[in-house]
Amino acid sequence: MRKKISVEVQSLIDAQDNPFVLIDQDYCVVAANRAYQQAYGVSEEDIVGRKCHQVSHHSEVPCHLNGEDCPHKQVFESRQPHQVLHIHYDPQAQPEHVRIKGSPIFGEDGVMYLGEAIFPLAHTEDLDCEHQRLIGRSKAFQACIESLTRAAKTDAPVLLTGASGVGKDLAAEYIHRRSARNGQPFTIIDCTAI
């Protein structure tokens, strides 16, 4: 049976700028805001009543059973907010790196839900840099992509360091392509040659 949330709760989640879903204790999506529907090209009827892991992970089991840090499990156990980096799938089945902030939300009847704010970081095609790619699924890789995405949104100088061959050029190109300077020339300079 589909749960109905109040008009007040729906209006509060619609006020969120980022995609946002409300999920019950049984992993069922009970509401999605307009930003979610627009970002993922779905209607509320497409996802409400479905399991969150089916929608975002294309999996029949919750993400913690696949070895991932699950905001649902953490928030329902601790009743505290919890943030994770994840790979979700968009409606075209394309992987997307996202940061998720899960928070406990209480309905008028005192029932707790997971409020999940989704902060997109990068689609897989955004990790393509000419003929090479940034590839990874580990927590460290996802944290790196989040840092690069944040750096791209600023005008601050960015210093990338590391051993030869670790992908500094790819990281620099990723930052350039996601920045306000995207339409301007991008030149890689090998400092050891100067």
N, C-alpha and C. Protein backbone atom coordinates (compact mmCIF):
# COMPACT_ATOMS: atom_id res chain seq x y z
N MET A 1 0.83 -1.18 0.00
CA MET A 1 0.00 0.00 0.00
C MET A 1 0.87 1.25 0.00
N ARG A 2 0.55 2.20 -0.88
CA ARG A 2 1.32 3.42 -1.02
C ARG A 2 1.01 4.39 0.11
N LYS A 3 2.07 4.88 0.78
CA LYS A 3 1.89 5.84 1.87
C LYS A 3 1.67 7.22 1.28
N LYS A 4 0.84 7.99 1.95
CA LYS A 4 0.55 9.35 1.51
C LYS A 4 1.18 10.31 2.51
N ILE A 5 1.95 11.26 1.99
CA ILE A 5 2.55 12.25 2.89
C ILE A 5 1.68 13.51 2.85
N SER A 6 1.86 14.35 3.86
CA SER A 6 1.05 15.56 3.95
C SER A 6 1.48 16.59 2.90
N VAL A 7 0.59 17.50 2.62
CA VAL A 7 0.86 18.60 1.69
C VAL A 7 2.02 19.44 2.23
N GLU A 8 2.09 19.60 3.55
CA GLU A 8 3.16 20.40 4.15
C GLU A 8 4.53 19.76 3.92
N VAL A 9 4.62 18.45 4.13
CA VAL A 9 5.89 17.76 3.91
C VAL A 9 6.28 17.84 2.44
N GLN A 10 5.32 17.62 1.53
CA GLN A 10 5.62 17.70 0.10
C GLN A 10 6.10 19.10 -0.27
N SER A 11 5.47 20.14 0.28
CA SER A 11 5.90 21.50 -0.05
C SER A 11 7.30 21.79 0.48
N LEU A 12 7.65 21.20 1.64
CA LEU A 12 9.01 21.38 2.17
C LEU A 12 10.06 20.70 1.30
N ILE A 13 9.76 19.51 0.82
CA ILE A 13 10.78 18.85 -0.03
C ILE A 13 10.82 19.50 -1.41
N ASP A 14 9.69 20.05 -1.88
CA ASP A 14 9.71 20.78 -3.16
C ASP A 14 10.52 22.06 -3.06
N ALA A 15 10.68 22.60 -1.86
CA ALA A 15 11.47 23.83 -1.67
C ALA A 15 12.97 23.58 -1.79
N GLN A 16 13.39 22.31 -1.77
CA GLN A 16 14.81 21.97 -1.91
C GLN A 16 15.26 22.23 -3.34
N ASP A 17 16.43 22.85 -3.50
CA ASP A 17 16.97 23.12 -4.84
C ASP A 17 17.51 21.86 -5.50
N ASN A 18 18.08 20.96 -4.71
CA ASN A 18 18.66 19.74 -5.26
C ASN A 18 17.62 18.64 -5.33
N PRO A 19 17.86 17.62 -6.17
CA PRO A 19 16.97 16.46 -6.17
C PRO A 19 16.85 15.90 -4.76
N PHE A 20 15.63 15.55 -4.36
CA PHE A 20 15.37 15.12 -2.99
C PHE A 20 14.26 14.09 -3.01
N VAL A 21 14.47 12.98 -2.29
CA VAL A 21 13.43 11.95 -2.16
C VAL A 21 13.22 11.64 -0.69
N LEU A 22 12.02 11.18 -0.39
CA LEU A 22 11.66 10.75 0.95
C LEU A 22 11.43 9.25 0.88
N ILE A 23 12.09 8.50 1.79
CA ILE A 23 12.10 7.04 1.74
C ILE A 23 11.66 6.49 3.10
N ASP A 24 10.81 5.47 3.08
CA ASP A 24 10.34 4.90 4.34
C ASP A 24 11.29 3.82 4.85
N GLN A 25 10.95 3.24 6.00
CA GLN A 25 11.81 2.25 6.64
C GLN A 25 11.97 0.98 5.79
N ASP A 26 11.02 0.73 4.89
CA ASP A 26 11.07 -0.46 4.03
C ASP A 26 11.75 -0.19 2.69
N TYR A 27 12.50 0.90 2.59
CA TYR A 27 13.24 1.28 1.39
C TYR A 27 12.34 1.78 0.25
N CYS A 28 11.07 2.05 0.52
CA CYS A 28 10.15 2.52 -0.53
C CYS A 28 10.19 4.04 -0.62
N VAL A 29 10.29 4.54 -1.84
CA VAL A 29 10.23 5.98 -2.08
C VAL A 29 8.78 6.41 -1.88
N VAL A 30 8.56 7.38 -0.99
CA VAL A 30 7.20 7.85 -0.73
C VAL A 30 6.94 9.23 -1.33
N ALA A 31 8.00 9.95 -1.71
CA ALA A 31 7.84 11.25 -2.35
C ALA A 31 9.14 11.65 -3.04
N ALA A 32 9.00 12.46 -4.08
CA ALA A 32 10.15 13.02 -4.80
C ALA A 32 9.83 14.48 -5.10
N ASN A 33 10.82 15.35 -4.98
CA ASN A 33 10.54 16.75 -5.26
C ASN A 33 10.61 17.05 -6.75
N ARG A 34 10.21 18.25 -7.11
CA ARG A 34 10.21 18.66 -8.53
C ARG A 34 11.61 18.65 -9.10
N ALA A 35 12.62 19.05 -8.29
CA ALA A 35 14.00 19.07 -8.78
C ALA A 35 14.45 17.66 -9.15
N TYR A 36 14.04 16.66 -8.39
CA TYR A 36 14.37 15.27 -8.72
C TYR A 36 13.71 14.87 -10.03
N GLN A 37 12.44 15.17 -10.14
CA GLN A 37 11.68 14.79 -11.34
C GLN A 37 12.27 15.44 -12.59
N GLN A 38 12.68 16.72 -12.48
CA GLN A 38 13.27 17.40 -13.63
C GLN A 38 14.67 16.87 -13.94
N ALA A 39 15.48 16.67 -12.90
CA ALA A 39 16.86 16.22 -13.11
C ALA A 39 16.91 14.84 -13.75
N TYR A 40 15.98 13.96 -13.38
CA TYR A 40 16.03 12.59 -13.87
C TYR A 40 14.96 12.27 -14.91
N GLY A 41 14.18 13.28 -15.30
CA GLY A 41 13.19 13.10 -16.37
C GLY A 41 12.15 12.05 -16.05
N VAL A 42 11.69 12.03 -14.80
CA VAL A 42 10.68 11.06 -14.38
C VAL A 42 9.51 11.80 -13.73
N SER A 43 8.38 11.14 -13.69
CA SER A 43 7.25 11.68 -12.94
C SER A 43 7.24 11.02 -11.57
N GLU A 44 6.49 11.62 -10.67
CA GLU A 44 6.38 11.06 -9.33
C GLU A 44 5.85 9.64 -9.38
N GLU A 45 4.92 9.38 -10.28
CA GLU A 45 4.34 8.04 -10.41
C GLU A 45 5.37 7.00 -10.84
N ASP A 46 6.43 7.45 -11.53
CA ASP A 46 7.47 6.52 -12.00
C ASP A 46 8.30 5.93 -10.86
N ILE A 47 8.42 6.68 -9.75
CA ILE A 47 9.30 6.20 -8.68
C ILE A 47 8.63 5.98 -7.34
N VAL A 48 7.56 6.71 -7.04
CA VAL A 48 6.90 6.55 -5.74
C VAL A 48 6.33 5.14 -5.64
N GLY A 49 6.64 4.49 -4.53
CA GLY A 49 6.22 3.11 -4.31
C GLY A 49 7.27 2.08 -4.68
N ARG A 50 8.31 2.52 -5.39
CA ARG A 50 9.41 1.61 -5.75
C ARG A 50 10.49 1.66 -4.67
N LYS A 51 11.30 0.61 -4.61
CA LYS A 51 12.41 0.55 -3.67
C LYS A 51 13.51 1.52 -4.14
N CYS A 52 14.11 2.23 -3.20
CA CYS A 52 15.15 3.21 -3.55
C CYS A 52 16.33 2.56 -4.27
N HIS A 53 16.70 1.37 -3.85
CA HIS A 53 17.85 0.69 -4.48
C HIS A 53 17.52 0.23 -5.89
N GLN A 54 16.26 -0.02 -6.20
CA GLN A 54 15.86 -0.35 -7.57
C GLN A 54 15.97 0.88 -8.46
N VAL A 55 15.55 2.02 -7.93
CA VAL A 55 15.56 3.26 -8.70
C VAL A 55 16.98 3.76 -8.94
N SER A 56 17.77 3.87 -7.88
CA SER A 56 19.08 4.51 -8.01
C SER A 56 20.23 3.57 -8.32
N HIS A 57 20.14 2.32 -7.92
CA HIS A 57 21.25 1.38 -8.12
C HIS A 57 20.94 0.27 -9.12
N HIS A 58 19.70 0.22 -9.59
CA HIS A 58 19.26 -0.87 -10.47
C HIS A 58 19.58 -2.22 -9.85
N SER A 59 19.32 -2.31 -8.56
CA SER A 59 19.63 -3.52 -7.79
C SER A 59 18.38 -3.98 -7.05
N GLU A 60 18.25 -5.28 -6.91
CA GLU A 60 17.11 -5.84 -6.18
C GLU A 60 17.35 -5.90 -4.68
N VAL A 61 18.56 -5.55 -4.24
CA VAL A 61 18.87 -5.57 -2.81
C VAL A 61 19.42 -4.20 -2.40
N PRO A 62 19.23 -3.82 -1.13
CA PRO A 62 19.76 -2.54 -0.65
C PRO A 62 21.27 -2.45 -0.84
N CYS A 63 21.75 -1.22 -1.00
CA CYS A 63 23.17 -1.02 -1.32
C CYS A 63 24.11 -1.55 -0.25
N HIS A 64 23.71 -1.57 1.03
CA HIS A 64 24.61 -2.09 2.07
C HIS A 64 24.84 -3.59 1.89
N LEU A 65 23.91 -4.29 1.22
CA LEU A 65 24.12 -5.71 0.95
C LEU A 65 25.06 -5.93 -0.23
N ASN A 66 25.36 -4.85 -0.95
CA ASN A 66 26.34 -4.90 -2.03
C ASN A 66 27.68 -4.30 -1.59
N GLY A 67 27.86 -4.13 -0.27
CA GLY A 67 29.14 -3.65 0.26
C GLY A 67 29.30 -2.15 0.25
N GLU A 68 28.23 -1.39 0.00
CA GLU A 68 28.34 0.06 -0.02
C GLU A 68 27.88 0.66 1.31
N ASP A 69 28.33 1.87 1.57
CA ASP A 69 27.89 2.63 2.73
C ASP A 69 26.48 3.12 2.42
N CYS A 70 25.51 2.67 3.18
CA CYS A 70 24.10 2.94 2.88
C CYS A 70 23.55 4.03 3.79
N PRO A 71 23.13 5.17 3.22
CA PRO A 71 22.58 6.22 4.07
C PRO A 71 21.29 5.76 4.77
N HIS A 72 20.50 4.92 4.11
CA HIS A 72 19.25 4.44 4.69
C HIS A 72 19.53 3.67 5.98
N LYS A 73 20.42 2.72 5.90
CA LYS A 73 20.77 1.88 7.06
C LYS A 73 21.31 2.75 8.19
N GLN A 74 22.23 3.66 7.87
CA GLN A 74 22.86 4.49 8.89
C GLN A 74 21.87 5.43 9.57
N VAL A 75 21.02 6.09 8.78
CA VAL A 75 20.08 7.06 9.35
C VAL A 75 19.03 6.36 10.20
N PHE A 76 18.51 5.22 9.74
CA PHE A 76 17.51 4.53 10.54
C PHE A 76 18.09 3.91 11.81
N GLU A 77 19.38 3.54 11.77
CA GLU A 77 20.00 2.99 12.98
C GLU A 77 20.39 4.09 13.97
N SER A 78 20.96 5.18 13.47
CA SER A 78 21.50 6.22 14.36
C SER A 78 20.53 7.37 14.62
N ARG A 79 19.55 7.55 13.73
CA ARG A 79 18.62 8.68 13.77
C ARG A 79 19.36 10.00 13.65
N GLN A 80 20.53 9.94 12.99
CA GLN A 80 21.38 11.11 12.76
C GLN A 80 21.64 11.25 11.26
N PRO A 81 21.92 12.48 10.78
CA PRO A 81 22.28 12.65 9.36
C PRO A 81 23.53 11.85 9.00
N HIS A 82 23.61 11.46 7.74
CA HIS A 82 24.75 10.67 7.26
C HIS A 82 24.99 11.01 5.79
N GLN A 83 26.25 11.26 5.43
CA GLN A 83 26.59 11.57 4.03
C GLN A 83 27.43 10.45 3.44
N VAL A 84 27.19 10.18 2.16
CA VAL A 84 27.95 9.16 1.45
C VAL A 84 28.23 9.63 0.03
N LEU A 85 29.24 9.02 -0.57
CA LEU A 85 29.50 9.17 -2.00
C LEU A 85 29.06 7.88 -2.65
N HIS A 86 28.31 7.99 -3.72
CA HIS A 86 27.74 6.82 -4.37
C HIS A 86 27.82 6.95 -5.88
N ILE A 87 27.60 5.84 -6.53
CA ILE A 87 27.35 5.85 -7.97
C ILE A 87 25.90 5.42 -8.15
N HIS A 88 25.10 6.34 -8.68
CA HIS A 88 23.70 6.06 -9.00
C HIS A 88 23.57 5.91 -10.51
N TYR A 89 22.43 5.46 -10.94
CA TYR A 89 22.16 5.33 -12.37
C TYR A 89 21.00 6.23 -12.75
N ASP A 90 21.18 6.97 -13.84
CA ASP A 90 20.10 7.83 -14.32
C ASP A 90 19.10 6.99 -15.11
N PRO A 91 17.99 7.58 -15.59
CA PRO A 91 16.98 6.78 -16.31
C PRO A 91 17.50 6.11 -17.59
N GLN A 92 18.60 6.60 -18.14
CA GLN A 92 19.21 5.98 -19.33
C GLN A 92 20.24 4.93 -18.93
N ALA A 93 20.26 4.55 -17.66
CA ALA A 93 21.16 3.54 -17.12
C ALA A 93 22.63 3.95 -17.19
N GLN A 94 22.89 5.25 -17.19
CA GLN A 94 24.25 5.76 -17.20
C GLN A 94 24.70 6.04 -15.76
N PRO A 95 25.88 5.57 -15.38
CA PRO A 95 26.36 5.82 -14.02
C PRO A 95 26.63 7.30 -13.77
N GLU A 96 26.34 7.73 -12.57
CA GLU A 96 26.53 9.12 -12.17
C GLU A 96 27.10 9.13 -10.76
N HIS A 97 28.21 9.84 -10.56
CA HIS A 97 28.80 10.00 -9.24
C HIS A 97 28.00 11.08 -8.51
N VAL A 98 27.56 10.76 -7.30
CA VAL A 98 26.76 11.70 -6.50
C VAL A 98 27.22 11.69 -5.05
N ARG A 99 26.96 12.80 -4.38
CA ARG A 99 27.09 12.86 -2.93
C ARG A 99 25.67 12.89 -2.40
N ILE A 100 25.39 12.08 -1.40
CA ILE A 100 24.05 11.98 -0.83
C ILE A 100 24.12 12.40 0.63
N LYS A 101 23.21 13.28 1.00
CA LYS A 101 23.08 13.63 2.41
C LYS A 101 21.73 13.09 2.87
N GLY A 102 21.79 12.10 3.76
CA GLY A 102 20.58 11.51 4.30
C GLY A 102 20.29 12.09 5.68
N SER A 103 19.03 12.44 5.90
CA SER A 103 18.62 13.03 7.18
C SER A 103 17.33 12.40 7.66
N PRO A 104 17.16 12.26 8.97
CA PRO A 104 15.88 11.77 9.48
C PRO A 104 14.82 12.86 9.33
N ILE A 105 13.67 12.49 8.80
CA ILE A 105 12.53 13.39 8.64
C ILE A 105 11.34 12.72 9.32
N PHE A 106 10.63 13.47 10.13
CA PHE A 106 9.50 12.90 10.88
C PHE A 106 8.18 13.45 10.35
N GLY A 107 7.25 12.53 10.09
CA GLY A 107 5.92 12.91 9.66
C GLY A 107 5.08 13.36 10.85
N GLU A 108 3.89 13.87 10.55
CA GLU A 108 2.99 14.35 11.60
C GLU A 108 2.65 13.25 12.61
N ASP A 109 2.63 12.01 12.15
CA ASP A 109 2.29 10.88 13.03
C ASP A 109 3.50 10.35 13.79
N GLY A 110 4.66 11.03 13.66
CA GLY A 110 5.87 10.62 14.36
C GLY A 110 6.68 9.56 13.64
N VAL A 111 6.19 9.09 12.49
CA VAL A 111 6.91 8.07 11.71
C VAL A 111 8.16 8.72 11.10
N MET A 112 9.28 8.00 11.21
CA MET A 112 10.53 8.51 10.66
C MET A 112 10.72 8.05 9.22
N TYR A 113 11.23 8.97 8.40
CA TYR A 113 11.59 8.70 7.01
C TYR A 113 13.04 9.13 6.80
N LEU A 114 13.61 8.66 5.72
CA LEU A 114 14.92 9.14 5.29
C LEU A 114 14.68 10.22 4.25
N GLY A 115 15.17 11.41 4.51
CA GLY A 115 15.18 12.47 3.52
C GLY A 115 16.52 12.45 2.84
N GLU A 116 16.54 12.23 1.53
CA GLU A 116 17.80 12.04 0.81
C GLU A 116 17.99 13.16 -0.21
N ALA A 117 18.94 14.07 0.09
CA ALA A 117 19.31 15.13 -0.85
C ALA A 117 20.44 14.61 -1.72
N ILE A 118 20.32 14.81 -3.03
CA ILE A 118 21.29 14.27 -3.98
C ILE A 118 22.05 15.42 -4.63
N PHE A 119 23.36 15.35 -4.54
CA PHE A 119 24.23 16.37 -5.12
C PHE A 119 25.06 15.72 -6.23
N PRO A 120 24.63 15.88 -7.50
CA PRO A 120 25.37 15.26 -8.61
C PRO A 120 26.79 15.80 -8.70
N LEU A 121 27.73 14.91 -8.94
CA LEU A 121 29.13 15.30 -9.11
C LEU A 121 29.55 15.16 -10.57
N ALA A 122 29.37 13.97 -11.14
CA ALA A 122 29.80 13.76 -12.52
C ALA A 122 29.15 12.53 -13.11
N HIS A 123 28.73 12.64 -14.39
CA HIS A 123 28.31 11.48 -15.15
C HIS A 123 29.57 10.78 -15.67
N THR A 124 29.45 9.55 -16.04
CA THR A 124 30.61 8.81 -16.57
C THR A 124 31.21 9.51 -17.77
N GLU A 125 30.36 10.06 -18.66
CA GLU A 125 30.92 10.73 -19.84
C GLU A 125 31.69 11.99 -19.46
N ASP A 126 31.39 12.59 -18.29
CA ASP A 126 32.15 13.75 -17.83
C ASP A 126 33.57 13.36 -17.42
N LEU A 127 33.79 12.09 -17.18
CA LEU A 127 35.12 11.61 -16.79
C LEU A 127 35.96 11.24 -18.00
N ASP A 128 35.39 11.36 -19.20
CA ASP A 128 36.14 11.15 -20.43
C ASP A 128 36.96 12.39 -20.74
N CYS A 129 38.22 12.25 -20.97
CA CYS A 129 39.10 13.35 -21.36
C CYS A 129 39.82 12.91 -22.62
N GLU A 130 39.30 13.37 -23.76
CA GLU A 130 39.74 12.96 -25.08
C GLU A 130 39.68 11.44 -25.18
N HIS A 131 40.81 10.76 -25.29
CA HIS A 131 40.78 9.31 -25.47
C HIS A 131 41.07 8.56 -24.18
N GLN A 132 41.22 9.30 -23.07
CA GLN A 132 41.51 8.66 -21.79
C GLN A 132 40.37 8.93 -20.83
N ARG A 133 40.33 8.20 -19.74
CA ARG A 133 39.26 8.33 -18.77
C ARG A 133 39.76 8.28 -17.35
N LEU A 134 39.03 8.97 -16.49
CA LEU A 134 39.22 8.79 -15.05
C LEU A 134 38.28 7.65 -14.67
N ILE A 135 38.82 6.58 -14.14
CA ILE A 135 38.02 5.40 -13.85
C ILE A 135 38.22 4.99 -12.40
N GLY A 136 37.13 4.70 -11.72
CA GLY A 136 37.24 4.22 -10.35
C GLY A 136 35.89 4.12 -9.68
N ARG A 137 35.83 3.32 -8.62
CA ARG A 137 34.60 3.16 -7.85
C ARG A 137 34.87 3.25 -6.35
N SER A 138 36.13 3.32 -5.97
CA SER A 138 36.47 3.30 -4.54
C SER A 138 36.03 4.60 -3.87
N LYS A 139 35.96 4.57 -2.55
CA LYS A 139 35.61 5.77 -1.78
C LYS A 139 36.64 6.87 -2.04
N ALA A 140 37.91 6.50 -2.12
CA ALA A 140 38.97 7.49 -2.35
C ALA A 140 38.79 8.16 -3.71
N PHE A 141 38.46 7.37 -4.73
CA PHE A 141 38.24 7.93 -6.07
C PHE A 141 37.04 8.87 -6.07
N GLN A 142 35.94 8.44 -5.45
CA GLN A 142 34.75 9.29 -5.42
C GLN A 142 35.00 10.57 -4.64
N ALA A 143 35.78 10.49 -3.57
CA ALA A 143 36.14 11.70 -2.82
C ALA A 143 37.00 12.62 -3.68
N CYS A 144 37.88 12.05 -4.49
CA CYS A 144 38.72 12.83 -5.40
C CYS A 144 37.83 13.56 -6.43
N ILE A 145 36.86 12.87 -7.00
CA ILE A 145 35.96 13.48 -7.99
C ILE A 145 35.17 14.61 -7.33
N GLU A 146 34.72 14.41 -6.09
CA GLU A 146 34.00 15.48 -5.39
C GLU A 146 34.91 16.69 -5.19
N SER A 147 36.16 16.48 -4.82
CA SER A 147 37.10 17.59 -4.63
C SER A 147 37.37 18.32 -5.94
N LEU A 148 37.54 17.57 -7.03
CA LEU A 148 37.76 18.20 -8.33
C LEU A 148 36.54 19.00 -8.76
N THR A 149 35.35 18.48 -8.50
CA THR A 149 34.11 19.18 -8.86
C THR A 149 33.99 20.48 -8.08
N ARG A 150 34.30 20.43 -6.78
CA ARG A 150 34.25 21.65 -5.96
C ARG A 150 35.29 22.66 -6.44
N ALA A 151 36.49 22.20 -6.78
CA ALA A 151 37.54 23.10 -7.26
C ALA A 151 37.13 23.78 -8.56
N ALA A 152 36.43 23.06 -9.42
CA ALA A 152 36.01 23.61 -10.71
C ALA A 152 35.02 24.75 -10.55
N LYS A 153 34.30 24.79 -9.45
CA LYS A 153 33.28 25.84 -9.24
C LYS A 153 33.87 27.13 -8.71
N THR A 154 35.19 27.15 -8.44
CA THR A 154 35.82 28.35 -7.87
C THR A 154 36.76 28.97 -8.90
N ASP A 155 37.22 30.18 -8.57
CA ASP A 155 38.25 30.83 -9.39
C ASP A 155 39.62 30.70 -8.74
N ALA A 156 39.72 29.90 -7.69
CA ALA A 156 40.98 29.74 -6.97
C ALA A 156 41.96 28.92 -7.80
N PRO A 157 43.25 29.25 -7.70
CA PRO A 157 44.26 28.42 -8.37
C PRO A 157 44.27 27.02 -7.76
N VAL A 158 44.51 26.02 -8.57
CA VAL A 158 44.52 24.63 -8.11
C VAL A 158 45.89 24.04 -8.43
N LEU A 159 46.52 23.44 -7.44
CA LEU A 159 47.80 22.77 -7.63
C LEU A 159 47.57 21.28 -7.53
N LEU A 160 47.85 20.56 -8.60
CA LEU A 160 47.72 19.11 -8.62
C LEU A 160 49.12 18.52 -8.53
N THR A 161 49.33 17.65 -7.55
CA THR A 161 50.64 17.04 -7.38
C THR A 161 50.50 15.52 -7.41
N GLY A 162 51.57 14.86 -7.67
CA GLY A 162 51.57 13.41 -7.67
C GLY A 162 52.65 12.88 -8.59
N ALA A 163 52.90 11.61 -8.48
CA ALA A 163 53.93 10.96 -9.30
C ALA A 163 53.53 10.98 -10.76
N SER A 164 54.49 10.77 -11.61
CA SER A 164 54.26 10.71 -13.05
C SER A 164 53.30 9.56 -13.37
N GLY A 165 52.29 9.85 -14.18
CA GLY A 165 51.37 8.81 -14.63
C GLY A 165 50.13 8.60 -13.76
N VAL A 166 49.94 9.41 -12.71
CA VAL A 166 48.78 9.20 -11.84
C VAL A 166 47.51 9.85 -12.38
N GLY A 167 47.62 10.70 -13.40
CA GLY A 167 46.43 11.30 -14.00
C GLY A 167 46.23 12.77 -13.70
N LYS A 168 47.31 13.48 -13.41
CA LYS A 168 47.18 14.92 -13.12
C LYS A 168 46.61 15.66 -14.32
N ASP A 169 47.06 15.31 -15.54
CA ASP A 169 46.54 15.96 -16.75
C ASP A 169 45.04 15.74 -16.90
N LEU A 170 44.59 14.50 -16.63
CA LEU A 170 43.16 14.20 -16.72
C LEU A 170 42.38 14.98 -15.68
N ALA A 171 42.93 15.08 -14.48
CA ALA A 171 42.26 15.83 -13.41
C ALA A 171 42.18 17.31 -13.78
N ALA A 172 43.26 17.85 -14.34
CA ALA A 172 43.26 19.26 -14.75
C ALA A 172 42.23 19.50 -15.86
N GLU A 173 42.17 18.59 -16.81
CA GLU A 173 41.19 18.74 -17.89
C GLU A 173 39.77 18.62 -17.36
N TYR A 174 39.55 17.74 -16.41
CA TYR A 174 38.23 17.60 -15.79
C TYR A 174 37.83 18.92 -15.13
N ILE A 175 38.73 19.51 -14.35
CA ILE A 175 38.44 20.79 -13.70
C ILE A 175 38.13 21.85 -14.75
N HIS A 176 38.94 21.93 -15.79
CA HIS A 176 38.73 22.93 -16.84
C HIS A 176 37.36 22.76 -17.50
N ARG A 177 37.00 21.53 -17.84
CA ARG A 177 35.73 21.28 -18.53
C ARG A 177 34.52 21.58 -17.66
N ARG A 178 34.67 21.51 -16.34
CA ARG A 178 33.55 21.78 -15.42
C ARG A 178 33.56 23.23 -14.92
N SER A 179 34.54 24.03 -15.33
CA SER A 179 34.66 25.38 -14.81
C SER A 179 33.99 26.39 -15.74
N ALA A 180 33.96 27.65 -15.29
CA ALA A 180 33.42 28.75 -16.10
C ALA A 180 34.33 29.05 -17.29
N ARG A 181 35.56 28.54 -17.29
CA ARG A 181 36.51 28.77 -18.38
C ARG A 181 36.45 27.68 -19.45
N ASN A 182 35.43 26.85 -19.41
CA ASN A 182 35.32 25.71 -20.31
C ASN A 182 35.49 26.08 -21.78
N GLY A 183 34.97 27.19 -22.23
CA GLY A 183 35.05 27.56 -23.65
C GLY A 183 36.39 28.16 -24.04
N GLN A 184 37.28 28.38 -23.09
CA GLN A 184 38.57 28.98 -23.37
C GLN A 184 39.62 27.89 -23.60
N PRO A 185 40.76 28.29 -24.17
CA PRO A 185 41.82 27.29 -24.45
C PRO A 185 42.31 26.60 -23.19
N PHE A 186 42.70 25.34 -23.36
CA PHE A 186 43.25 24.54 -22.27
C PHE A 186 44.59 24.01 -22.75
N THR A 187 45.65 24.36 -22.01
CA THR A 187 47.00 23.96 -22.40
C THR A 187 47.69 23.27 -21.22
N ILE A 188 48.25 22.11 -21.48
CA ILE A 188 49.00 21.38 -20.46
C ILE A 188 50.47 21.72 -20.63
N ILE A 189 51.12 22.09 -19.55
CA ILE A 189 52.55 22.42 -19.60
C ILE A 189 53.29 21.44 -18.70
N ASP A 190 54.26 20.77 -19.24
CA ASP A 190 55.10 19.84 -18.47
C ASP A 190 56.19 20.66 -17.79
N CYS A 191 56.03 20.87 -16.49
CA CYS A 191 56.96 21.73 -15.74
C CYS A 191 58.38 21.16 -15.72
N THR A 192 58.52 19.84 -15.82
CA THR A 192 59.87 19.28 -15.80
C THR A 192 60.64 19.62 -17.08
N ALA A 193 59.92 19.97 -18.14
CA ALA A 193 60.58 20.30 -19.41
C ALA A 193 60.98 21.77 -19.48
N ILE A 194 60.50 22.59 -18.53
CA ILE A 194 60.80 24.04 -18.59
C ILE A 194 62.13 24.30 -17.91
